Amino acid sequence: MRRLGLTFENEYLIIQTILPWLKRKINYSDIKELRYVRWTWGNYFKTIYNHDYTPGSLYVYFDDINTGKVKYYTAPLRYKNIEKIHQKLHKKLNLIEKFEV
């Protein structure tokens, strides 16, 4: 999953940004929640005016060490690749099959 910008290791998540020299390492204990809205036409039209979520993207909410606030990172992810998320993070994953307005 390196090409998506996310690499799941044993104890931490590596976020690769557009800049190749800028990587961010996040411990699994610092991750608050993972959210994924499944990409369907119905979810697409329901979220078109709600810019908080985009279908087909994984949202990683984590505590930032520098500021102490909760930040998030978004990466595109196919539904079939959800199994590649590390087993330690499955209890924090909020999978939204049908988005409610």
N, C-alpha and C. Protein backbone atom coordinates (compact mmCIF):
# COMPACT_ATOMS: atom_id res chain seq x y z
N MET A 1 0.81 -1.19 0.00
CA MET A 1 0.00 0.00 0.00
C MET A 1 0.86 1.26 0.00
N ARG A 2 2.12 1.16 -0.33
CA ARG A 2 3.00 2.32 -0.34
C ARG A 2 2.54 3.39 -1.33
N ARG A 3 2.02 2.97 -2.45
CA ARG A 3 1.64 3.96 -3.45
C ARG A 3 0.45 4.81 -3.01
N LEU A 4 -0.30 4.34 -2.03
CA LEU A 4 -1.45 5.10 -1.53
C LEU A 4 -1.05 6.13 -0.49
N GLY A 5 0.18 6.06 -0.02
CA GLY A 5 0.62 7.01 0.98
C GLY A 5 0.59 6.45 2.38
N LEU A 6 0.11 5.21 2.56
CA LEU A 6 0.03 4.59 3.87
C LEU A 6 0.81 3.28 3.87
N THR A 7 1.59 3.06 4.93
CA THR A 7 2.28 1.80 5.11
C THR A 7 2.00 1.35 6.54
N PHE A 8 1.41 0.17 6.69
CA PHE A 8 1.09 -0.36 8.01
C PHE A 8 2.21 -1.30 8.44
N GLU A 9 2.96 -0.90 9.46
CA GLU A 9 4.03 -1.72 10.03
C GLU A 9 3.49 -2.44 11.27
N ASN A 10 4.37 -3.07 12.06
CA ASN A 10 3.92 -3.82 13.24
C ASN A 10 3.36 -2.93 14.33
N GLU A 11 4.00 -1.82 14.62
CA GLU A 11 3.59 -0.97 15.74
C GLU A 11 3.24 0.46 15.35
N TYR A 12 3.43 0.82 14.09
CA TYR A 12 3.17 2.20 13.70
C TYR A 12 2.74 2.28 12.24
N LEU A 13 2.17 3.42 11.91
CA LEU A 13 1.69 3.73 10.57
C LEU A 13 2.60 4.80 9.99
N ILE A 14 3.05 4.60 8.76
CA ILE A 14 3.88 5.59 8.08
C ILE A 14 3.03 6.26 7.01
N ILE A 15 2.97 7.58 7.08
CA ILE A 15 2.23 8.38 6.10
C ILE A 15 3.26 9.02 5.17
N GLN A 16 3.18 8.71 3.90
CA GLN A 16 4.06 9.29 2.90
C GLN A 16 3.31 10.42 2.20
N THR A 17 3.84 11.62 2.27
CA THR A 17 3.20 12.77 1.64
C THR A 17 3.68 12.89 0.20
N ILE A 18 3.27 13.94 -0.47
CA ILE A 18 3.68 14.17 -1.85
C ILE A 18 5.19 14.38 -1.94
N LEU A 19 5.75 15.02 -0.94
CA LEU A 19 7.19 15.24 -0.92
C LEU A 19 7.88 13.95 -0.48
N PRO A 20 8.78 13.40 -1.27
CA PRO A 20 9.36 12.10 -0.95
C PRO A 20 10.20 12.08 0.32
N TRP A 21 10.71 13.20 0.75
CA TRP A 21 11.55 13.24 1.94
C TRP A 21 10.75 13.51 3.21
N LEU A 22 9.46 13.78 3.08
CA LEU A 22 8.63 14.09 4.23
C LEU A 22 7.71 12.91 4.55
N LYS A 23 8.06 12.19 5.63
CA LYS A 23 7.27 11.06 6.09
C LYS A 23 6.83 11.34 7.52
N ARG A 24 5.72 10.75 7.90
CA ARG A 24 5.22 10.91 9.26
C ARG A 24 4.98 9.52 9.84
N LYS A 25 5.51 9.29 11.02
CA LYS A 25 5.37 8.00 11.68
C LYS A 25 4.42 8.17 12.87
N ILE A 26 3.34 7.37 12.90
CA ILE A 26 2.33 7.47 13.96
C ILE A 26 2.20 6.12 14.64
N ASN A 27 2.34 6.11 15.95
CA ASN A 27 2.13 4.87 16.71
C ASN A 27 0.66 4.49 16.68
N TYR A 28 0.38 3.20 16.72
CA TYR A 28 -1.01 2.74 16.73
C TYR A 28 -1.74 3.22 17.97
N SER A 29 -1.03 3.42 19.06
CA SER A 29 -1.68 3.89 20.28
C SER A 29 -2.13 5.35 20.16
N ASP A 30 -1.51 6.13 19.27
CA ASP A 30 -1.90 7.52 19.06
C ASP A 30 -3.09 7.68 18.12
N ILE A 31 -3.44 6.63 17.41
CA ILE A 31 -4.56 6.69 16.47
C ILE A 31 -5.87 6.57 17.25
N LYS A 32 -6.73 7.56 17.10
CA LYS A 32 -8.01 7.58 17.79
C LYS A 32 -9.07 6.77 17.05
N GLU A 33 -9.14 6.98 15.73
CA GLU A 33 -10.21 6.35 14.96
C GLU A 33 -9.81 6.30 13.49
N LEU A 34 -10.34 5.29 12.81
CA LEU A 34 -10.23 5.17 11.36
C LEU A 34 -11.66 5.17 10.82
N ARG A 35 -11.91 5.96 9.80
CA ARG A 35 -13.25 5.98 9.18
C ARG A 35 -13.10 5.74 7.69
N TYR A 36 -14.03 4.96 7.19
CA TYR A 36 -14.05 4.67 5.76
C TYR A 36 -15.49 4.66 5.29
N VAL A 37 -15.80 5.47 4.29
CA VAL A 37 -17.12 5.49 3.67
C VAL A 37 -16.99 4.75 2.34
N ARG A 38 -17.75 3.67 2.22
CA ARG A 38 -17.67 2.86 1.01
C ARG A 38 -18.14 3.66 -0.20
N TRP A 39 -17.43 3.48 -1.33
CA TRP A 39 -17.79 4.20 -2.54
C TRP A 39 -18.94 3.50 -3.23
N THR A 40 -20.08 4.19 -3.25
CA THR A 40 -21.25 3.79 -4.05
C THR A 40 -21.83 5.06 -4.62
N TRP A 41 -22.66 4.92 -5.63
CA TRP A 41 -23.28 6.12 -6.21
C TRP A 41 -24.17 6.81 -5.18
N GLY A 42 -24.88 6.04 -4.38
CA GLY A 42 -25.74 6.63 -3.36
C GLY A 42 -24.94 7.43 -2.34
N ASN A 43 -23.81 6.87 -1.87
CA ASN A 43 -22.96 7.59 -0.92
C ASN A 43 -22.32 8.81 -1.57
N TYR A 44 -22.00 8.71 -2.85
CA TYR A 44 -21.40 9.84 -3.55
C TYR A 44 -22.36 11.03 -3.59
N PHE A 45 -23.61 10.78 -3.95
CA PHE A 45 -24.57 11.89 -4.04
C PHE A 45 -25.01 12.40 -2.67
N LYS A 46 -24.95 11.56 -1.65
CA LYS A 46 -25.29 12.02 -0.30
C LYS A 46 -24.19 12.87 0.32
N THR A 47 -22.95 12.63 -0.06
CA THR A 47 -21.84 13.38 0.51
C THR A 47 -21.37 14.52 -0.38
N ILE A 48 -22.06 14.77 -1.47
CA ILE A 48 -21.61 15.81 -2.40
C ILE A 48 -21.65 17.20 -1.75
N TYR A 49 -22.59 17.41 -0.84
CA TYR A 49 -22.68 18.71 -0.17
C TYR A 49 -22.10 18.65 1.24
N ASN A 50 -21.74 17.48 1.69
CA ASN A 50 -21.11 17.32 3.00
C ASN A 50 -19.63 17.05 2.74
N HIS A 51 -18.80 18.04 2.92
CA HIS A 51 -17.39 17.91 2.58
C HIS A 51 -16.56 17.33 3.70
N ASP A 52 -17.20 16.78 4.74
CA ASP A 52 -16.46 16.14 5.81
C ASP A 52 -15.92 14.79 5.38
N TYR A 53 -16.64 14.08 4.55
CA TYR A 53 -16.25 12.75 4.12
C TYR A 53 -16.34 12.63 2.61
N THR A 54 -15.43 11.85 2.06
CA THR A 54 -15.43 11.53 0.65
C THR A 54 -15.49 10.01 0.52
N PRO A 55 -16.42 9.47 -0.22
CA PRO A 55 -16.47 8.02 -0.37
C PRO A 55 -15.21 7.48 -1.04
N GLY A 56 -14.77 6.33 -0.56
CA GLY A 56 -13.58 5.71 -1.13
C GLY A 56 -12.29 6.20 -0.51
N SER A 57 -12.36 6.90 0.61
CA SER A 57 -11.16 7.41 1.28
C SER A 57 -11.12 6.93 2.72
N LEU A 58 -9.92 6.67 3.19
CA LEU A 58 -9.71 6.28 4.58
C LEU A 58 -9.26 7.51 5.35
N TYR A 59 -9.94 7.80 6.45
CA TYR A 59 -9.61 8.93 7.31
C TYR A 59 -8.96 8.40 8.57
N VAL A 60 -7.76 8.88 8.86
CA VAL A 60 -7.01 8.45 10.04
C VAL A 60 -6.96 9.64 11.00
N TYR A 61 -7.62 9.51 12.16
CA TYR A 61 -7.62 10.55 13.18
C TYR A 61 -6.59 10.16 14.24
N PHE A 62 -5.66 11.10 14.53
CA PHE A 62 -4.59 10.79 15.48
C PHE A 62 -4.25 12.01 16.31
N ASP A 63 -3.64 11.76 17.47
CA ASP A 63 -3.17 12.84 18.34
C ASP A 63 -1.83 13.32 17.82
N ASP A 64 -1.74 14.62 17.57
CA ASP A 64 -0.48 15.20 17.12
C ASP A 64 0.40 15.46 18.35
N ILE A 65 1.62 14.98 18.30
CA ILE A 65 2.54 15.11 19.43
C ILE A 65 2.94 16.57 19.63
N ASN A 66 3.11 17.31 18.56
CA ASN A 66 3.59 18.70 18.65
C ASN A 66 2.54 19.65 19.21
N THR A 67 1.29 19.51 18.77
CA THR A 67 0.26 20.47 19.19
C THR A 67 -0.68 19.92 20.25
N GLY A 68 -0.76 18.61 20.39
CA GLY A 68 -1.67 18.02 21.36
C GLY A 68 -3.12 17.98 20.88
N LYS A 69 -3.37 18.32 19.64
CA LYS A 69 -4.72 18.30 19.08
C LYS A 69 -4.90 17.08 18.19
N VAL A 70 -6.16 16.77 17.94
CA VAL A 70 -6.47 15.65 17.05
C VAL A 70 -6.41 16.16 15.62
N LYS A 71 -5.61 15.49 14.79
CA LYS A 71 -5.51 15.82 13.37
C LYS A 71 -5.98 14.62 12.58
N TYR A 72 -6.15 14.81 11.29
CA TYR A 72 -6.51 13.67 10.45
C TYR A 72 -5.77 13.72 9.14
N TYR A 73 -5.63 12.54 8.55
CA TYR A 73 -5.01 12.38 7.26
C TYR A 73 -5.95 11.55 6.40
N THR A 74 -6.06 11.87 5.14
CA THR A 74 -6.95 11.18 4.22
C THR A 74 -6.14 10.52 3.12
N ALA A 75 -6.48 9.28 2.82
CA ALA A 75 -5.83 8.57 1.72
C ALA A 75 -6.88 7.76 0.97
N PRO A 76 -6.81 7.75 -0.37
CA PRO A 76 -7.75 6.92 -1.12
C PRO A 76 -7.46 5.44 -0.88
N LEU A 77 -8.53 4.67 -0.77
CA LEU A 77 -8.37 3.24 -0.50
C LEU A 77 -9.54 2.50 -1.11
N ARG A 78 -9.26 1.42 -1.81
CA ARG A 78 -10.32 0.60 -2.37
C ARG A 78 -10.92 -0.27 -1.28
N TYR A 79 -12.18 -0.59 -1.44
CA TYR A 79 -12.89 -1.38 -0.44
C TYR A 79 -12.24 -2.76 -0.26
N LYS A 80 -11.75 -3.34 -1.33
CA LYS A 80 -11.15 -4.67 -1.24
C LYS A 80 -9.81 -4.65 -0.51
N ASN A 81 -9.19 -3.49 -0.34
CA ASN A 81 -7.91 -3.39 0.35
C ASN A 81 -8.05 -3.11 1.84
N ILE A 82 -9.25 -3.11 2.37
CA ILE A 82 -9.45 -2.85 3.79
C ILE A 82 -8.82 -3.96 4.63
N GLU A 83 -8.74 -5.17 4.08
CA GLU A 83 -8.12 -6.28 4.81
C GLU A 83 -6.64 -6.04 5.07
N LYS A 84 -6.01 -5.16 4.30
CA LYS A 84 -4.58 -4.90 4.47
C LYS A 84 -4.29 -4.00 5.67
N ILE A 85 -5.33 -3.44 6.27
CA ILE A 85 -5.14 -2.66 7.49
C ILE A 85 -4.73 -3.62 8.60
N HIS A 86 -3.77 -3.22 9.40
CA HIS A 86 -3.23 -4.09 10.44
C HIS A 86 -4.33 -4.52 11.41
N GLN A 87 -4.23 -5.75 11.91
CA GLN A 87 -5.25 -6.33 12.79
C GLN A 87 -5.45 -5.51 14.07
N LYS A 88 -4.42 -4.85 14.55
CA LYS A 88 -4.53 -4.05 15.78
C LYS A 88 -5.46 -2.86 15.58
N LEU A 89 -5.66 -2.44 14.34
CA LEU A 89 -6.47 -1.25 14.06
C LEU A 89 -7.91 -1.59 13.67
N HIS A 90 -8.24 -2.85 13.53
CA HIS A 90 -9.60 -3.21 13.11
C HIS A 90 -10.65 -2.81 14.14
N LYS A 91 -10.31 -2.79 15.43
CA LYS A 91 -11.29 -2.38 16.43
C LYS A 91 -11.53 -0.87 16.42
N LYS A 92 -10.62 -0.11 15.81
CA LYS A 92 -10.78 1.34 15.71
C LYS A 92 -11.40 1.77 14.38
N LEU A 93 -11.63 0.81 13.49
CA LEU A 93 -12.15 1.10 12.16
C LEU A 93 -13.66 1.26 12.20
N ASN A 94 -14.14 2.39 11.70
CA ASN A 94 -15.57 2.66 11.57
C ASN A 94 -15.90 2.60 10.09
N LEU A 95 -16.47 1.48 9.66
CA LEU A 95 -16.79 1.26 8.27
C LEU A 95 -18.23 1.68 8.02
N ILE A 96 -18.43 2.67 7.15
CA ILE A 96 -19.76 3.20 6.85
C ILE A 96 -20.17 2.67 5.48
N GLU A 97 -21.09 1.70 5.49
CA GLU A 97 -21.57 1.11 4.24
C GLU A 97 -22.55 2.04 3.54
N LYS A 98 -23.48 2.62 4.32
CA LYS A 98 -24.51 3.49 3.75
C LYS A 98 -24.49 4.80 4.54
N PHE A 99 -24.17 5.88 3.88
CA PHE A 99 -24.06 7.18 4.54
C PHE A 99 -25.45 7.74 4.79
N GLU A 100 -25.68 8.18 6.02
CA GLU A 100 -26.95 8.79 6.39
C GLU A 100 -26.79 10.30 6.44
N VAL A 101 -27.71 11.01 5.84
CA VAL A 101 -27.64 12.48 5.79
C VAL A 101 -28.17 13.07 7.07
